[in-house]
Amino acid sequence: MRRLMKKGFDARMSKHIKLVFMYNGCDTGIRTWVSHGTKEISDRLLSRMAEQLNLSRQQFLDLIDCRLDEAGLVAVYKEMHLL
């Protein structure tokens, strides 16, 4: 979760932790959720989170493994016309 927050995501606490991608200080509507008790993310959940963020599974893995930085993520979203 901290790795995503360093790349433009804002954490909002509720029943689950909602991670919202912010761009130029605005909520983009791109979001995913993580349970408070989740320590390890299963393959199924990993794929679901990638889908919620409009990323391929590999792009999401690159994002959380720091091979895709915030500027790269913005470029991906601009190419998809999401920003």
N, C-alpha and C. Protein backbone atom coordinates (compact mmCIF):
# COMPACT_ATOMS: atom_id res chain seq x y z
N MET A 1 0.83 -1.18 0.00
CA MET A 1 0.00 0.00 0.00
C MET A 1 0.88 1.26 0.00
N ARG A 2 1.94 1.24 0.79
CA ARG A 2 2.81 2.42 0.84
C ARG A 2 3.47 2.69 -0.51
N ARG A 3 3.78 1.61 -1.22
CA ARG A 3 4.40 1.79 -2.54
C ARG A 3 3.44 2.50 -3.49
N LEU A 4 2.16 2.20 -3.40
CA LEU A 4 1.18 2.88 -4.25
C LEU A 4 1.01 4.34 -3.83
N MET A 5 1.06 4.59 -2.54
CA MET A 5 0.90 5.97 -2.06
C MET A 5 2.06 6.85 -2.53
N LYS A 6 3.23 6.27 -2.73
CA LYS A 6 4.37 7.04 -3.23
C LYS A 6 4.23 7.35 -4.72
N LYS A 7 3.26 6.71 -5.37
CA LYS A 7 3.09 6.88 -6.82
C LYS A 7 1.79 7.58 -7.17
N GLY A 8 1.29 8.40 -6.24
CA GLY A 8 0.13 9.23 -6.56
C GLY A 8 -1.20 8.74 -6.02
N PHE A 9 -1.20 7.66 -5.25
CA PHE A 9 -2.44 7.16 -4.68
C PHE A 9 -2.67 7.75 -3.30
N ASP A 10 -3.91 8.01 -2.99
CA ASP A 10 -4.32 8.55 -1.70
C ASP A 10 -5.12 7.46 -0.98
N ALA A 11 -4.78 7.18 0.27
CA ALA A 11 -5.49 6.16 1.05
C ALA A 11 -6.63 6.81 1.81
N ARG A 12 -7.80 6.23 1.67
CA ARG A 12 -8.99 6.69 2.39
C ARG A 12 -9.51 5.53 3.22
N MET A 13 -9.60 5.75 4.51
CA MET A 13 -10.00 4.69 5.42
C MET A 13 -11.52 4.60 5.53
N SER A 14 -12.02 3.40 5.47
CA SER A 14 -13.43 3.11 5.71
C SER A 14 -13.48 1.64 6.12
N LYS A 15 -14.52 0.93 5.74
CA LYS A 15 -14.57 -0.51 6.04
C LYS A 15 -13.33 -1.20 5.48
N HIS A 16 -12.90 -0.78 4.30
CA HIS A 16 -11.66 -1.24 3.68
C HIS A 16 -10.83 0.00 3.38
N ILE A 17 -9.58 -0.19 3.05
CA ILE A 17 -8.73 0.93 2.66
C ILE A 17 -8.94 1.15 1.17
N LYS A 18 -9.41 2.34 0.82
CA LYS A 18 -9.63 2.68 -0.59
C LYS A 18 -8.42 3.48 -1.07
N LEU A 19 -7.81 3.02 -2.14
CA LEU A 19 -6.67 3.71 -2.74
C LEU A 19 -7.14 4.38 -4.02
N VAL A 20 -7.03 5.71 -4.06
CA VAL A 20 -7.53 6.52 -5.17
C VAL A 20 -6.34 7.18 -5.84
N PHE A 21 -6.25 7.06 -7.17
CA PHE A 21 -5.17 7.71 -7.90
C PHE A 21 -5.51 9.18 -8.08
N MET A 22 -4.60 10.04 -7.61
CA MET A 22 -4.78 11.48 -7.70
C MET A 22 -3.85 12.02 -8.79
N TYR A 23 -4.36 12.97 -9.58
CA TYR A 23 -3.56 13.59 -10.63
C TYR A 23 -3.80 15.08 -10.59
N ASN A 24 -2.75 15.86 -10.43
CA ASN A 24 -2.84 17.31 -10.29
C ASN A 24 -3.82 17.69 -9.18
N GLY A 25 -3.78 16.92 -8.08
CA GLY A 25 -4.63 17.21 -6.93
C GLY A 25 -6.08 16.81 -7.07
N CYS A 26 -6.43 16.15 -8.16
CA CYS A 26 -7.83 15.77 -8.41
C CYS A 26 -8.00 14.26 -8.36
N ASP A 27 -9.16 13.84 -7.87
CA ASP A 27 -9.54 12.43 -7.85
C ASP A 27 -9.83 12.01 -9.29
N THR A 28 -9.13 11.01 -9.78
CA THR A 28 -9.30 10.57 -11.17
C THR A 28 -10.42 9.56 -11.36
N GLY A 29 -10.91 9.02 -10.26
CA GLY A 29 -11.91 7.96 -10.35
C GLY A 29 -11.28 6.59 -10.51
N ILE A 30 -9.96 6.54 -10.58
CA ILE A 30 -9.23 5.27 -10.69
C ILE A 30 -8.93 4.82 -9.26
N ARG A 31 -9.48 3.67 -8.87
CA ARG A 31 -9.37 3.26 -7.48
C ARG A 31 -9.40 1.75 -7.31
N THR A 32 -8.91 1.33 -6.16
CA THR A 32 -8.98 -0.07 -5.76
C THR A 32 -9.13 -0.11 -4.25
N TRP A 33 -9.42 -1.29 -3.72
CA TRP A 33 -9.64 -1.45 -2.29
C TRP A 33 -8.75 -2.56 -1.75
N VAL A 34 -8.36 -2.39 -0.48
CA VAL A 34 -7.58 -3.41 0.22
C VAL A 34 -8.21 -3.57 1.60
N SER A 35 -8.34 -4.81 2.04
CA SER A 35 -8.87 -5.08 3.37
C SER A 35 -7.85 -4.67 4.42
N HIS A 36 -8.33 -4.18 5.56
CA HIS A 36 -7.42 -3.78 6.65
C HIS A 36 -6.54 -4.93 7.11
N GLY A 37 -7.05 -6.15 7.10
CA GLY A 37 -6.32 -7.30 7.61
C GLY A 37 -5.42 -7.98 6.60
N THR A 38 -5.39 -7.51 5.37
CA THR A 38 -4.62 -8.17 4.32
C THR A 38 -3.13 -7.93 4.50
N LYS A 39 -2.38 -9.01 4.69
CA LYS A 39 -0.93 -8.90 4.78
C LYS A 39 -0.29 -9.38 3.49
N GLU A 40 -0.83 -10.45 2.93
CA GLU A 40 -0.38 -10.95 1.63
C GLU A 40 -1.53 -10.89 0.66
N ILE A 41 -1.22 -10.57 -0.58
CA ILE A 41 -2.25 -10.46 -1.61
C ILE A 41 -2.18 -11.71 -2.48
N SER A 42 -3.30 -12.41 -2.57
CA SER A 42 -3.36 -13.62 -3.39
C SER A 42 -3.28 -13.25 -4.88
N ASP A 43 -2.99 -14.23 -5.71
CA ASP A 43 -2.94 -14.00 -7.16
C ASP A 43 -4.28 -13.49 -7.68
N ARG A 44 -5.35 -14.07 -7.16
CA ARG A 44 -6.69 -13.66 -7.60
C ARG A 44 -6.95 -12.19 -7.25
N LEU A 45 -6.60 -11.80 -6.01
CA LEU A 45 -6.80 -10.42 -5.59
C LEU A 45 -5.89 -9.47 -6.37
N LEU A 46 -4.67 -9.91 -6.63
CA LEU A 46 -3.73 -9.11 -7.41
C LEU A 46 -4.30 -8.80 -8.79
N SER A 47 -4.85 -9.81 -9.44
CA SER A 47 -5.46 -9.62 -10.76
C SER A 47 -6.67 -8.70 -10.68
N ARG A 48 -7.46 -8.85 -9.63
CA ARG A 48 -8.65 -8.00 -9.46
C ARG A 48 -8.25 -6.54 -9.23
N MET A 49 -7.23 -6.31 -8.43
CA MET A 49 -6.76 -4.94 -8.19
C MET A 49 -6.23 -4.32 -9.48
N ALA A 50 -5.48 -5.09 -10.25
CA ALA A 50 -4.97 -4.60 -11.54
C ALA A 50 -6.12 -4.21 -12.44
N GLU A 51 -7.15 -5.04 -12.49
CA GLU A 51 -8.33 -4.75 -13.32
C GLU A 51 -9.02 -3.48 -12.85
N GLN A 52 -9.17 -3.31 -11.54
CA GLN A 52 -9.80 -2.10 -11.00
C GLN A 52 -9.01 -0.85 -11.36
N LEU A 53 -7.70 -0.98 -11.47
CA LEU A 53 -6.84 0.16 -11.79
C LEU A 53 -6.61 0.31 -13.29
N ASN A 54 -7.32 -0.48 -14.10
CA ASN A 54 -7.21 -0.42 -15.56
C ASN A 54 -5.79 -0.74 -16.04
N LEU A 55 -5.14 -1.65 -15.35
CA LEU A 55 -3.79 -2.06 -15.70
C LEU A 55 -3.77 -3.55 -15.99
N SER A 56 -2.79 -3.97 -16.79
CA SER A 56 -2.58 -5.41 -16.95
C SER A 56 -1.96 -5.91 -15.64
N ARG A 57 -2.00 -7.20 -15.48
CA ARG A 57 -1.40 -7.78 -14.27
C ARG A 57 0.08 -7.43 -14.21
N GLN A 58 0.77 -7.50 -15.36
CA GLN A 58 2.20 -7.20 -15.40
C GLN A 58 2.46 -5.73 -15.07
N GLN A 59 1.64 -4.82 -15.59
CA GLN A 59 1.81 -3.40 -15.27
C GLN A 59 1.63 -3.17 -13.77
N PHE A 60 0.65 -3.84 -13.18
CA PHE A 60 0.42 -3.69 -11.74
C PHE A 60 1.61 -4.23 -10.95
N LEU A 61 2.14 -5.38 -11.35
CA LEU A 61 3.33 -5.92 -10.69
C LEU A 61 4.51 -4.96 -10.82
N ASP A 62 4.68 -4.37 -12.01
CA ASP A 62 5.74 -3.39 -12.21
C ASP A 62 5.54 -2.18 -11.29
N LEU A 63 4.30 -1.78 -11.11
CA LEU A 63 3.98 -0.64 -10.24
C LEU A 63 4.35 -0.93 -8.80
N ILE A 64 3.94 -2.08 -8.29
CA ILE A 64 4.22 -2.37 -6.88
C ILE A 64 5.67 -2.80 -6.64
N ASP A 65 6.35 -3.26 -7.69
CA ASP A 65 7.77 -3.63 -7.56
C ASP A 65 8.69 -2.47 -7.94
N CYS A 66 8.12 -1.28 -8.14
CA CYS A 66 8.86 -0.04 -8.40
C CYS A 66 9.58 -0.01 -9.75
N ARG A 67 9.14 -0.83 -10.70
CA ARG A 67 9.69 -0.74 -12.06
C ARG A 67 8.89 0.25 -12.90
N LEU A 68 7.70 0.61 -12.41
CA LEU A 68 6.85 1.63 -13.04
C LEU A 68 6.65 2.73 -12.02
N ASP A 69 7.15 3.93 -12.34
CA ASP A 69 7.03 5.04 -11.40
C ASP A 69 5.77 5.86 -11.69
N GLU A 70 5.56 6.92 -10.92
CA GLU A 70 4.35 7.73 -11.08
C GLU A 70 4.27 8.34 -12.48
N ALA A 71 5.39 8.85 -13.00
CA ALA A 71 5.38 9.44 -14.34
C ALA A 71 5.02 8.40 -15.39
N GLY A 72 5.54 7.19 -15.23
CA GLY A 72 5.21 6.11 -16.15
C GLY A 72 3.74 5.73 -16.07
N LEU A 73 3.20 5.72 -14.85
CA LEU A 73 1.79 5.40 -14.66
C LEU A 73 0.91 6.47 -15.30
N VAL A 74 1.28 7.73 -15.13
CA VAL A 74 0.54 8.82 -15.76
C VAL A 74 0.57 8.65 -17.28
N ALA A 75 1.72 8.29 -17.83
CA ALA A 75 1.83 8.08 -19.28
C ALA A 75 0.92 6.95 -19.74
N VAL A 76 0.86 5.87 -18.96
CA VAL A 76 -0.02 4.74 -19.30
C VAL A 76 -1.48 5.20 -19.31
N TYR A 77 -1.88 5.93 -18.28
CA TYR A 77 -3.27 6.39 -18.19
C TYR A 77 -3.60 7.42 -19.28
N LYS A 78 -2.63 8.27 -19.64
CA LYS A 78 -2.87 9.23 -20.72
C LYS A 78 -3.03 8.50 -22.06
N GLU A 79 -2.22 7.47 -22.27
CA GLU A 79 -2.33 6.69 -23.50
C GLU A 79 -3.70 6.01 -23.60
N MET A 80 -4.26 5.64 -22.46
CA MET A 80 -5.58 5.01 -22.42
C MET A 80 -6.72 6.04 -22.40
N HIS A 81 -6.35 7.33 -22.42
CA HIS A 81 -7.31 8.43 -22.36
C HIS A 81 -8.11 8.43 -21.07
N LEU A 82 -7.46 8.02 -19.98
CA LEU A 82 -8.10 8.05 -18.66
C LEU A 82 -7.76 9.32 -17.91
N LEU A 83 -6.76 10.06 -18.40
CA LEU A 83 -6.38 11.35 -17.80
C LEU A 83 -6.43 12.43 -18.87
